[in-house]
Amino acid sequence: MSRSTENTGFRCAHCGNAVEPVTNGSYRNHCPFCLHSLHVDIRPGDRQNACHGLMEPIGLRQGKKGYQLVFRCRRCGSRGVNRVADDTQQPDSLDLLLKVMQQGCEV
């Protein structure tokens, strides 16, 4: 499957906003308005995970390619990370990123 068919928009399961795909060559896996995600990927963009639990943002960390949001699944407890989307047409909310960063929690 190509990136263009995997990188699609979605409606956020947490806040209901329409989320557009990113335009920077990466995959969008979280809502830029509330920073929540769904536990749907095993590998980025594959949408093969059967859990489908709500992933809540619990922290922010510095990664090799910039800042990453840290998530915890409310259903299974799994943790994951995804790059902050800041160089796309629908960037992540800076106010919410700062609130998550103040939580000080990371994987």
PDB file of N, CA and C in Angstrom:
ATOM      1  N   MET A   1       0.849  -1.180   0.000  1.00  0.00           N
ATOM      2  CA  MET A   1       0.000   0.000   0.000  1.00  0.00           C
ATOM      3  C   MET A   1       0.892   1.240   0.000  1.00  0.00           C
ATOM      4  N   SER A   2       0.538   2.229  -0.782  1.00  0.00           N
ATOM      5  CA  SER A   2       1.347   3.439  -0.879  1.00  0.00           C
ATOM      6  C   SER A   2       1.008   4.410   0.245  1.00  0.00           C
ATOM      7  N   ARG A   3       1.914   5.326   0.498  1.00  0.00           N
ATOM      8  CA  ARG A   3       1.670   6.333   1.542  1.00  0.00           C
ATOM      9  C   ARG A   3       0.420   7.157   1.244  1.00  0.00           C
ATOM     10  N   SER A   4       0.162   7.429  -0.025  1.00  0.00           N
ATOM     11  CA  SER A   4      -1.000   8.265  -0.342  1.00  0.00           C
ATOM     12  C   SER A   4      -2.308   7.548  -0.020  1.00  0.00           C
ATOM     13  N   THR A   5      -2.357   6.215  -0.099  1.00  0.00           N
ATOM     14  CA  THR A   5      -3.579   5.501   0.254  1.00  0.00           C
ATOM     15  C   THR A   5      -3.654   5.232   1.749  1.00  0.00           C
ATOM     16  N   GLU A   6      -2.510   5.218   2.452  1.00  0.00           N
ATOM     17  CA  GLU A   6      -2.500   4.996   3.900  1.00  0.00           C
ATOM     18  C   GLU A   6      -2.712   6.295   4.674  1.00  0.00           C
ATOM     19  N   ASN A   7      -2.246   7.406   4.137  1.00  0.00           N
ATOM     20  CA  ASN A   7      -2.316   8.701   4.804  1.00  0.00           C
ATOM     21  C   ASN A   7      -3.632   9.377   4.430  1.00  0.00           C
ATOM     22  N   THR A   8      -4.677   9.034   5.174  1.00  0.00           N
ATOM     23  CA  THR A   8      -6.004   9.566   4.867  1.00  0.00           C
ATOM     24  C   THR A   8      -6.529  10.371   6.045  1.00  0.00           C
ATOM     25  N   GLY A   9      -7.507  11.204   5.778  1.00  0.00           N
ATOM     26  CA  GLY A   9      -8.159  11.959   6.833  1.00  0.00           C
ATOM     27  C   GLY A   9      -9.113  11.069   7.615  1.00  0.00           C
ATOM     28  N   PHE A  10      -9.605  11.584   8.739  1.00  0.00           N
ATOM     29  CA  PHE A  10     -10.539  10.834   9.580  1.00  0.00           C
ATOM     30  C   PHE A  10     -11.306  11.791  10.470  1.00  0.00           C
ATOM     31  N   ARG A  11     -12.346  11.294  11.103  1.00  0.00           N
ATOM     32  CA  ARG A  11     -13.096  12.061  12.093  1.00  0.00           C
ATOM     33  C   ARG A  11     -12.611  11.589  13.461  1.00  0.00           C
ATOM     34  N   CYS A  12     -12.232  12.528  14.331  1.00  0.00           N
ATOM     35  CA  CYS A  12     -11.693  12.187  15.651  1.00  0.00           C
ATOM     36  C   CYS A  12     -12.757  11.495  16.508  1.00  0.00           C
ATOM     37  N   ALA A  13     -12.389  10.348  17.071  1.00  0.00           N
ATOM     38  CA  ALA A  13     -13.302   9.587  17.930  1.00  0.00           C
ATOM     39  C   ALA A  13     -13.479  10.247  19.292  1.00  0.00           C
ATOM     40  N   HIS A  14     -12.603  11.174  19.656  1.00  0.00           N
ATOM     41  CA  HIS A  14     -12.689  11.839  20.953  1.00  0.00           C
ATOM     42  C   HIS A  14     -13.485  13.147  20.878  1.00  0.00           C
ATOM     43  N   CYS A  15     -13.113  14.030  19.948  1.00  0.00           N
ATOM     44  CA  CYS A  15     -13.768  15.348  19.892  1.00  0.00           C
ATOM     45  C   CYS A  15     -14.688  15.531  18.691  1.00  0.00           C
ATOM     46  N   GLY A  16     -14.618  14.648  17.710  1.00  0.00           N
ATOM     47  CA  GLY A  16     -15.507  14.701  16.559  1.00  0.00           C
ATOM     48  C   GLY A  16     -15.080  15.609  15.421  1.00  0.00           C
ATOM     49  N   ASN A  17     -13.946  16.285  15.543  1.00  0.00           N
ATOM     50  CA  ASN A  17     -13.481  17.169  14.471  1.00  0.00           C
ATOM     51  C   ASN A  17     -12.987  16.380  13.269  1.00  0.00           C
ATOM     52  N   ALA A  18     -13.108  16.978  12.085  1.00  0.00           N
ATOM     53  CA  ALA A  18     -12.564  16.399  10.859  1.00  0.00           C
ATOM     54  C   ALA A  18     -11.067  16.670  10.823  1.00  0.00           C
ATOM     55  N   VAL A  19     -10.278  15.612  10.611  1.00  0.00           N
ATOM     56  CA  VAL A  19      -8.822  15.703  10.610  1.00  0.00           C
ATOM     57  C   VAL A  19      -8.318  15.383   9.208  1.00  0.00           C
ATOM     58  N   GLU A  20      -7.540  16.294   8.640  1.00  0.00           N
ATOM     59  CA  GLU A  20      -6.987  16.112   7.306  1.00  0.00           C
ATOM     60  C   GLU A  20      -5.683  15.335   7.379  1.00  0.00           C
ATOM     61  N   PRO A  21      -5.310  14.625   6.298  1.00  0.00           N
ATOM     62  CA  PRO A  21      -4.013  13.937   6.293  1.00  0.00           C
ATOM     63  C   PRO A  21      -2.878  14.963   6.336  1.00  0.00           C
ATOM     64  N   VAL A  22      -1.734  14.553   6.837  1.00  0.00           N
ATOM     65  CA  VAL A  22      -0.585  15.463   6.867  1.00  0.00           C
ATOM     66  C   VAL A  22      -0.019  15.604   5.457  1.00  0.00           C
ATOM     67  N   THR A  23       0.691  16.686   5.232  1.00  0.00           N
ATOM     68  CA  THR A  23       1.253  16.968   3.911  1.00  0.00           C
ATOM     69  C   THR A  23       2.774  16.935   3.920  1.00  0.00           C
ATOM     70  N   ASN A  24       3.368  16.402   4.995  1.00  0.00           N
ATOM     71  CA  ASN A  24       4.821  16.437   5.118  1.00  0.00           C
ATOM     72  C   ASN A  24       5.482  15.083   4.872  1.00  0.00           C
ATOM     73  N   GLY A  25       4.759  14.119   4.275  1.00  0.00           N
ATOM     74  CA  GLY A  25       5.340  12.818   3.968  1.00  0.00           C
ATOM     75  C   GLY A  25       5.260  11.821   5.104  1.00  0.00           C
ATOM     76  N   SER A  26       4.614  12.158   6.185  1.00  0.00           N
ATOM     77  CA  SER A  26       4.482  11.277   7.338  1.00  0.00           C
ATOM     78  C   SER A  26       3.043  10.762   7.403  1.00  0.00           C
ATOM     79  N   TYR A  27       2.683  10.135   8.522  1.00  0.00           N
ATOM     80  CA  TYR A  27       1.328   9.651   8.738  1.00  0.00           C
ATOM     81  C   TYR A  27       0.685  10.422   9.876  1.00  0.00           C
ATOM     82  N   ARG A  28      -0.552  10.811   9.703  1.00  0.00           N
ATOM     83  CA  ARG A  28      -1.311  11.456  10.777  1.00  0.00           C
ATOM     84  C   ARG A  28      -1.963  10.341  11.582  1.00  0.00           C
ATOM     85  N   ASN A  29      -1.709  10.291  12.884  1.00  0.00           N
ATOM     86  CA  ASN A  29      -2.393   9.289  13.698  1.00  0.00           C
ATOM     87  C   ASN A  29      -3.108   9.906  14.891  1.00  0.00           C
ATOM     88  N   HIS A  30      -3.084  11.224  14.995  1.00  0.00           N
ATOM     89  CA  HIS A  30      -3.756  11.864  16.122  1.00  0.00           C
ATOM     90  C   HIS A  30      -4.426  13.154  15.664  1.00  0.00           C
ATOM     91  N   CYS A  31      -5.373  13.582  16.464  1.00  0.00           N
ATOM     92  CA  CYS A  31      -6.157  14.778  16.164  1.00  0.00           C
ATOM     93  C   CYS A  31      -5.364  16.027  16.547  1.00  0.00           C
ATOM     94  N   PRO A  32      -5.264  17.011  15.659  1.00  0.00           N
ATOM     95  CA  PRO A  32      -4.541  18.235  15.998  1.00  0.00           C
ATOM     96  C   PRO A  32      -5.302  19.140  16.963  1.00  0.00           C
ATOM     97  N   PHE A  33      -6.595  18.876  17.152  1.00  0.00           N
ATOM     98  CA  PHE A  33      -7.435  19.712  18.008  1.00  0.00           C
ATOM     99  C   PHE A  33      -7.449  19.248  19.464  1.00  0.00           C
ATOM    100  N   CYS A  34      -7.420  17.918  19.699  1.00  0.00           N
ATOM    101  CA  CYS A  34      -7.460  17.399  21.077  1.00  0.00           C
ATOM    102  C   CYS A  34      -6.283  16.466  21.378  1.00  0.00           C
ATOM    103  N   LEU A  35      -5.480  16.135  20.362  1.00  0.00           N
ATOM    104  CA  LEU A  35      -4.277  15.299  20.446  1.00  0.00           C
ATOM    105  C   LEU A  35      -4.558  13.827  20.756  1.00  0.00           C
ATOM    106  N   HIS A  36      -5.814  13.396  20.745  1.00  0.00           N
ATOM    107  CA  HIS A  36      -6.138  11.991  20.966  1.00  0.00           C
ATOM    108  C   HIS A  36      -5.978  11.199  19.669  1.00  0.00           C
ATOM    109  N   SER A  37      -5.871   9.900  19.806  1.00  0.00           N
ATOM    110  CA  SER A  37      -5.666   9.007  18.683  1.00  0.00           C
ATOM    111  C   SER A  37      -6.466   7.729  18.916  1.00  0.00           C
ATOM    112  N   LEU A  38      -6.449   6.840  17.942  1.00  0.00           N
ATOM    113  CA  LEU A  38      -7.016   5.503  18.121  1.00  0.00           C
ATOM    114  C   LEU A  38      -5.903   4.486  17.976  1.00  0.00           C
ATOM    115  N   HIS A  39      -5.975   3.415  18.732  1.00  0.00           N
ATOM    116  CA  HIS A  39      -4.974   2.360  18.692  1.00  0.00           C
ATOM    117  C   HIS A  39      -5.283   1.444  17.503  1.00  0.00           C
ATOM    118  N   VAL A  40      -4.889   1.881  16.306  1.00  0.00           N
ATOM    119  CA  VAL A  40      -5.225   1.153  15.086  1.00  0.00           C
ATOM    120  C   VAL A  40      -4.017   0.608  14.335  1.00  0.00           C
ATOM    121  N   ASP A  41      -2.819   1.087  14.617  1.00  0.00           N
ATOM    122  CA  ASP A  41      -1.628   0.654  13.864  1.00  0.00           C
ATOM    123  C   ASP A  41      -0.752  -0.300  14.668  1.00  0.00           C
ATOM    124  N   ILE A  42      -0.189  -1.260  13.955  1.00  0.00           N
ATOM    125  CA  ILE A  42       0.901  -2.077  14.500  1.00  0.00           C
ATOM    126  C   ILE A  42       2.207  -1.412  14.059  1.00  0.00           C
ATOM    127  N   ARG A  43       2.301  -1.119  12.768  1.00  0.00           N
ATOM    128  CA  ARG A  43       3.384  -0.308  12.208  1.00  0.00           C
ATOM    129  C   ARG A  43       2.729   0.963  11.660  1.00  0.00           C
ATOM    130  N   PRO A  44       3.421   2.103  11.703  1.00  0.00           N
ATOM    131  CA  PRO A  44       2.814   3.366  11.274  1.00  0.00           C
ATOM    132  C   PRO A  44       2.101   3.254   9.923  1.00  0.00           C
ATOM    133  N   GLY A  45       0.810   3.592   9.925  1.00  0.00           N
ATOM    134  CA  GLY A  45       0.024   3.631   8.707  1.00  0.00           C
ATOM    135  C   GLY A  45      -0.611   2.333   8.264  1.00  0.00           C
ATOM    136  N   ASP A  46      -0.336   1.212   8.969  1.00  0.00           N
ATOM    137  CA  ASP A  46      -0.862  -0.070   8.469  1.00  0.00           C
ATOM    138  C   ASP A  46      -2.315  -0.339   8.844  1.00  0.00           C
ATOM    139  N   ARG A  47      -2.831   0.317   9.884  1.00  0.00           N
ATOM    140  CA  ARG A  47      -4.225   0.174  10.349  1.00  0.00           C
ATOM    141  C   ARG A  47      -4.604  -1.289  10.598  1.00  0.00           C
ATOM    142  N   GLN A  48      -3.661  -2.097  11.125  1.00  0.00           N
ATOM    143  CA  GLN A  48      -3.877  -3.528  11.327  1.00  0.00           C
ATOM    144  C   GLN A  48      -4.119  -3.935  12.780  1.00  0.00           C
ATOM    145  N   ASN A  49      -4.095  -2.994  13.733  1.00  0.00           N
ATOM    146  CA  ASN A  49      -4.303  -3.351  15.129  1.00  0.00           C
ATOM    147  C   ASN A  49      -5.790  -3.501  15.420  1.00  0.00           C
ATOM    148  N   ALA A  50      -6.169  -4.591  16.063  1.00  0.00           N
ATOM    149  CA  ALA A  50      -7.586  -4.869  16.339  1.00  0.00           C
ATOM    150  C   ALA A  50      -8.106  -4.170  17.595  1.00  0.00           C
ATOM    151  N   CYS A  51      -7.246  -3.560  18.402  1.00  0.00           N
ATOM    152  CA  CYS A  51      -7.656  -2.954  19.668  1.00  0.00           C
ATOM    153  C   CYS A  51      -8.669  -1.826  19.458  1.00  0.00           C
ATOM    154  N   HIS A  52      -8.316  -0.832  18.686  1.00  0.00           N
ATOM    155  CA  HIS A  52      -9.149   0.338  18.392  1.00  0.00           C
ATOM    156  C   HIS A  52      -9.550   1.134  19.636  1.00  0.00           C
ATOM    157  N   GLY A  53      -8.769   1.016  20.726  1.00  0.00           N
ATOM    158  CA  GLY A  53      -9.025   1.807  21.920  1.00  0.00           C
ATOM    159  C   GLY A  53      -8.604   3.253  21.723  1.00  0.00           C
ATOM    160  N   LEU A  54      -9.131   4.141  22.539  1.00  0.00           N
ATOM    161  CA  LEU A  54      -8.773   5.553  22.489  1.00  0.00           C
ATOM    162  C   LEU A  54      -7.399   5.748  23.122  1.00  0.00           C
ATOM    163  N   MET A  55      -6.511   6.398  22.393  1.00  0.00           N
ATOM    164  CA  MET A  55      -5.164   6.689  22.881  1.00  0.00           C
ATOM    165  C   MET A  55      -5.160   8.134  23.374  1.00  0.00           C
ATOM    166  N   GLU A  56      -4.839   8.318  24.668  1.00  0.00           N
ATOM    167  CA  GLU A  56      -4.815   9.666  25.218  1.00  0.00           C
ATOM    168  C   GLU A  56      -3.377  10.169  25.306  1.00  0.00           C
ATOM    169  N   PRO A  57      -3.172  11.465  25.041  1.00  0.00           N
ATOM    170  CA  PRO A  57      -1.824  12.023  25.148  1.00  0.00           C
ATOM    171  C   PRO A  57      -1.440  12.135  26.623  1.00  0.00           C
ATOM    172  N   ILE A  58      -0.266  11.581  26.963  1.00  0.00           N
ATOM    173  CA  ILE A  58       0.173  11.612  28.362  1.00  0.00           C
ATOM    174  C   ILE A  58       1.519  12.292  28.550  1.00  0.00           C
ATOM    175  N   GLY A  59       2.170  12.670  27.464  1.00  0.00           N
ATOM    176  CA  GLY A  59       3.460  13.310  27.603  1.00  0.00           C
ATOM    177  C   GLY A  59       4.037  13.744  26.280  1.00  0.00           C
ATOM    178  N   LEU A  60       5.168  14.381  26.357  1.00  0.00           N
ATOM    179  CA  LEU A  60       5.883  14.875  25.195  1.00  0.00           C
ATOM    180  C   LEU A  60       7.353  14.581  25.435  1.00  0.00           C
ATOM    181  N   ARG A  61       8.042  14.122  24.387  1.00  0.00           N
ATOM    182  CA  ARG A  61       9.471  13.848  24.529  1.00  0.00           C
ATOM    183  C   ARG A  61      10.209  14.278  23.273  1.00  0.00           C
ATOM    184  N   GLN A  62      11.508  14.465  23.417  1.00  0.00           N
ATOM    185  CA  GLN A  62      12.361  14.811  22.289  1.00  0.00           C
ATOM    186  C   GLN A  62      12.832  13.518  21.648  1.00  0.00           C
ATOM    187  N   GLY A  63      12.582  13.359  20.357  1.00  0.00           N
ATOM    188  CA  GLY A  63      13.027  12.186  19.615  1.00  0.00           C
ATOM    189  C   GLY A  63      14.088  12.565  18.601  1.00  0.00           C
ATOM    190  N   LYS A  64      14.528  11.598  17.825  1.00  0.00           N
ATOM    191  CA  LYS A  64      15.561  11.837  16.810  1.00  0.00           C
ATOM    192  C   LYS A  64      15.109  12.835  15.744  1.00  0.00           C
ATOM    193  N   LYS A  65      13.815  12.835  15.441  1.00  0.00           N
ATOM    194  CA  LYS A  65      13.294  13.705  14.386  1.00  0.00           C
ATOM    195  C   LYS A  65      12.422  14.833  14.942  1.00  0.00           C
ATOM    196  N   GLY A  66      12.635  15.221  16.174  1.00  0.00           N
ATOM    197  CA  GLY A  66      11.856  16.305  16.769  1.00  0.00           C
ATOM    198  C   GLY A  66      11.009  15.819  17.928  1.00  0.00           C
ATOM    199  N   TYR A  67      10.051  16.629  18.312  1.00  0.00           N
ATOM    200  CA  TYR A  67       9.192  16.281  19.448  1.00  0.00           C
ATOM    201  C   TYR A  67       8.202  15.189  19.063  1.00  0.00           C
ATOM    202  N   GLN A  68       7.912  14.331  20.042  1.00  0.00           N
ATOM    203  CA  GLN A  68       6.966  13.238  19.865  1.00  0.00           C
ATOM    204  C   GLN A  68       5.940  13.271  20.989  1.00  0.00           C
ATOM    205  N   LEU A  69       4.675  13.051  20.618  1.00  0.00           N
ATOM    206  CA  LEU A  69       3.624  12.876  21.615  1.00  0.00           C
ATOM    207  C   LEU A  69       3.684  11.454  22.139  1.00  0.00           C
ATOM    208  N   VAL A  70       3.501  11.297  23.434  1.00  0.00           N
ATOM    209  CA  VAL A  70       3.454   9.977  24.056  1.00  0.00           C
ATOM    210  C   VAL A  70       1.984   9.687  24.370  1.00  0.00           C
ATOM    211  N   PHE A  71       1.532   8.498  23.972  1.00  0.00           N
ATOM    212  CA  PHE A  71       0.137   8.101  24.145  1.00  0.00           C
ATOM    213  C   PHE A  71       0.016   6.851  25.011  1.00  0.00           C
ATOM    214  N   ARG A  72      -1.115   6.710  25.687  1.00  0.00           N
ATOM    215  CA  ARG A  72      -1.462   5.468  26.410  1.00  0.00           C
ATOM    216  C   ARG A  72      -2.879   5.078  25.988  1.00  0.00           C
ATOM    217  N   CYS A  73      -3.045   3.806  25.640  1.00  0.00           N
ATOM    218  CA  CYS A  73      -4.354   3.312  25.219  1.00  0.00           C
ATOM    219  C   CYS A  73      -5.227   3.081  26.447  1.00  0.00           C
ATOM    220  N   ARG A  74      -6.420   3.648  26.431  1.00  0.00           N
ATOM    221  CA  ARG A  74      -7.360   3.484  27.545  1.00  0.00           C
ATOM    222  C   ARG A  74      -7.908   2.056  27.621  1.00  0.00           C
ATOM    223  N   ARG A  75      -7.897   1.333  26.511  1.00  0.00           N
ATOM    224  CA  ARG A  75      -8.453  -0.016  26.486  1.00  0.00           C
ATOM    225  C   ARG A  75      -7.428  -1.069  26.939  1.00  0.00           C
ATOM    226  N   CYS A  76      -6.230  -1.067  26.338  1.00  0.00           N
ATOM    227  CA  CYS A  76      -5.268  -2.146  26.620  1.00  0.00           C
ATOM    228  C   CYS A  76      -4.031  -1.681  27.385  1.00  0.00           C
ATOM    229  N   GLY A  77      -3.864  -0.365  27.568  1.00  0.00           N
ATOM    230  CA  GLY A  77      -2.726   0.159  28.323  1.00  0.00           C
ATOM    231  C   GLY A  77      -1.446   0.303  27.518  1.00  0.00           C
ATOM    232  N   SER A  78      -1.458  -0.097  26.272  1.00  0.00           N
ATOM    233  CA  SER A  78      -0.268   0.010  25.421  1.00  0.00           C
ATOM    234  C   SER A  78       0.139   1.467  25.291  1.00  0.00           C
ATOM    235  N   ARG A  79       1.440   1.687  25.146  1.00  0.00           N
ATOM    236  CA  ARG A  79       1.954   3.042  24.962  1.00  0.00           C
ATOM    237  C   ARG A  79       2.597   3.152  23.595  1.00  0.00           C
ATOM    238  N   GLY A  80       2.579   4.358  23.061  1.00  0.00           N
ATOM    239  CA  GLY A  80       3.184   4.616  21.762  1.00  0.00           C
ATOM    240  C   GLY A  80       3.549   6.073  21.630  1.00  0.00           C
ATOM    241  N   VAL A  81       4.253   6.383  20.566  1.00  0.00           N
ATOM    242  CA  VAL A  81       4.659   7.761  20.287  1.00  0.00           C
ATOM    243  C   VAL A  81       4.377   8.085  18.831  1.00  0.00           C
ATOM    244  N   ASN A  82       4.223   9.369  18.548  1.00  0.00           N
ATOM    245  CA  ASN A  82       4.088   9.850  17.187  1.00  0.00           C
ATOM    246  C   ASN A  82       4.619  11.266  17.121  1.00  0.00           C
ATOM    247  N   ARG A  83       5.282  11.568  16.009  1.00  0.00           N
ATOM    248  CA  ARG A  83       5.825  12.910  15.818  1.00  0.00           C
ATOM    249  C   ARG A  83       4.749  13.974  15.902  1.00  0.00           C
ATOM    250  N   VAL A  84       5.091  15.072  16.532  1.00  0.00           N
ATOM    251  CA  VAL A  84       4.215  16.238  16.566  1.00  0.00           C
ATOM    252  C   VAL A  84       4.082  16.753  15.133  1.00  0.00           C
ATOM    253  N   ALA A  85       2.866  17.045  14.731  1.00  0.00           N
ATOM    254  CA  ALA A  85       2.612  17.562  13.383  1.00  0.00           C
ATOM    255  C   ALA A  85       2.642  19.084  13.426  1.00  0.00           C
ATOM    256  N   ASP A  86       3.770  19.651  13.022  1.00  0.00           N
ATOM    257  CA  ASP A  86       3.892  21.107  13.074  1.00  0.00           C
ATOM    258  C   ASP A  86       4.169  21.729  11.719  1.00  0.00           C
ATOM    259  N   ASP A  87       4.459  20.922  10.725  1.00  0.00           N
ATOM    260  CA  ASP A  87       4.786  21.466   9.402  1.00  0.00           C
ATOM    261  C   ASP A  87       3.812  20.939   8.346  1.00  0.00           C
ATOM    262  N   THR A  88       2.530  21.119   8.623  1.00  0.00           N
ATOM    263  CA  THR A  88       1.473  20.653   7.742  1.00  0.00           C
ATOM    264  C   THR A  88       0.309  21.637   7.771  1.00  0.00           C
ATOM    265  N   GLN A  89      -0.692  21.441   6.919  1.00  0.00           N
ATOM    266  CA  GLN A  89      -1.790  22.407   6.837  1.00  0.00           C
ATOM    267  C   GLN A  89      -2.668  22.423   8.083  1.00  0.00           C
ATOM    268  N   GLN A  90      -2.634  21.392   8.906  1.00  0.00           N
ATOM    269  CA  GLN A  90      -3.437  21.343  10.135  1.00  0.00           C
ATOM    270  C   GLN A  90      -2.494  20.991  11.294  1.00  0.00           C
ATOM    271  N   PRO A  91      -1.678  21.952  11.746  1.00  0.00           N
ATOM    272  CA  PRO A  91      -0.694  21.644  12.794  1.00  0.00           C
ATOM    273  C   PRO A  91      -1.363  21.350  14.136  1.00  0.00           C
ATOM    274  N   ASP A  92      -0.641  20.610  14.982  1.00  0.00           N
ATOM    275  CA  ASP A  92      -1.132  20.300  16.325  1.00  0.00           C
ATOM    276  C   ASP A  92      -1.275  21.584  17.144  1.00  0.00           C
ATOM    277  N   SER A  93      -2.266  21.608  18.025  1.00  0.00           N
ATOM    278  CA  SER A  93      -2.530  22.754  18.876  1.00  0.00           C
ATOM    279  C   SER A  93      -1.348  23.006  19.816  1.00  0.00           C
ATOM    280  N   LEU A  94      -0.722  24.148  19.673  1.00  0.00           N
ATOM    281  CA  LEU A  94       0.415  24.500  20.532  1.00  0.00           C
ATOM    282  C   LEU A  94      -0.012  24.588  21.990  1.00  0.00           C
ATOM    283  N   ASP A  95      -1.190  25.139  22.261  1.00  0.00           N
ATOM    284  CA  ASP A  95      -1.683  25.243  23.638  1.00  0.00           C
ATOM    285  C   ASP A  95      -1.802  23.864  24.285  1.00  0.00           C
ATOM    286  N   LEU A  96      -2.359  22.896  23.536  1.00  0.00           N
ATOM    287  CA  LEU A  96      -2.496  21.545  24.090  1.00  0.00           C
ATOM    288  C   LEU A  96      -1.146  20.860  24.239  1.00  0.00           C
ATOM    289  N   LEU A  97      -0.242  21.075  23.301  1.00  0.00           N
ATOM    290  CA  LEU A  97       1.106  20.491  23.420  1.00  0.00           C
ATOM    291  C   LEU A  97       1.800  21.003  24.680  1.00  0.00           C
ATOM    292  N   LEU A  98       1.643  22.294  24.973  1.00  0.00           N
ATOM    293  CA  LEU A  98       2.247  22.854  26.182  1.00  0.00           C
ATOM    294  C   LEU A  98       1.628  22.253  27.443  1.00  0.00           C
ATOM    295  N   LYS A  99       0.307  22.024  27.438  1.00  0.00           N
ATOM    296  CA  LYS A  99      -0.344  21.384  28.587  1.00  0.00           C
ATOM    297  C   LYS A  99       0.156  19.963  28.787  1.00  0.00           C
ATOM    298  N   VAL A 100       0.300  19.223  27.679  1.00  0.00           N
ATOM    299  CA  VAL A 100       0.812  17.845  27.766  1.00  0.00           C
ATOM    300  C   VAL A 100       2.240  17.856  28.282  1.00  0.00           C
ATOM    301  N   MET A 101       3.042  18.814  27.800  1.00  0.00           N
ATOM    302  CA  MET A 101       4.426  18.905  28.242  1.00  0.00           C
ATOM    303  C   MET A 101       4.509  19.192  29.744  1.00  0.00           C
ATOM    304  N   GLN A 102       3.598  19.988  30.257  1.00  0.00           N
ATOM    305  CA  GLN A 102       3.587  20.315  31.685  1.00  0.00           C
ATOM    306  C   GLN A 102       3.267  19.091  32.545  1.00  0.00           C
ATOM    307  N   GLN A 103       2.592  18.100  31.965  1.00  0.00           N
ATOM    308  CA  GLN A 103       2.302  16.866  32.705  1.00  0.00           C
ATOM    309  C   GLN A 103       3.596  16.142  33.065  1.00  0.00           C
ATOM    310  N   GLY A 104       4.620  16.313  32.218  1.00  0.00           N
ATOM    311  CA  GLY A 104       5.938  15.762  32.520  1.00  0.00           C
ATOM    312  C   GLY A 104       6.037  14.259  32.449  1.00  0.00           C
ATOM    313  N   CYS A 105       5.095  13.593  31.887  1.00  0.00           N
ATOM    314  CA  CYS A 105       5.104  12.139  31.808  1.00  0.00           C
ATOM    315  C   CYS A 105       5.641  11.695  30.467  1.00  0.00           C
ATOM    316  N   GLU A 106       6.484  10.678  30.435  1.00  0.00           N
ATOM    317  CA  GLU A 106       6.928  10.103  29.191  1.00  0.00           C
ATOM    318  C   GLU A 106       7.206   8.625  29.349  1.00  0.00           C
ATOM    319  N   VAL A 107       7.288   7.937  28.213  1.00  0.00           N
ATOM    320  CA  VAL A 107       7.476   6.482  28.204  1.00  0.00           C
ATOM    321  C   VAL A 107       8.827   6.129  28.779  1.00  0.00           C
TER     322      VAL A 107
END
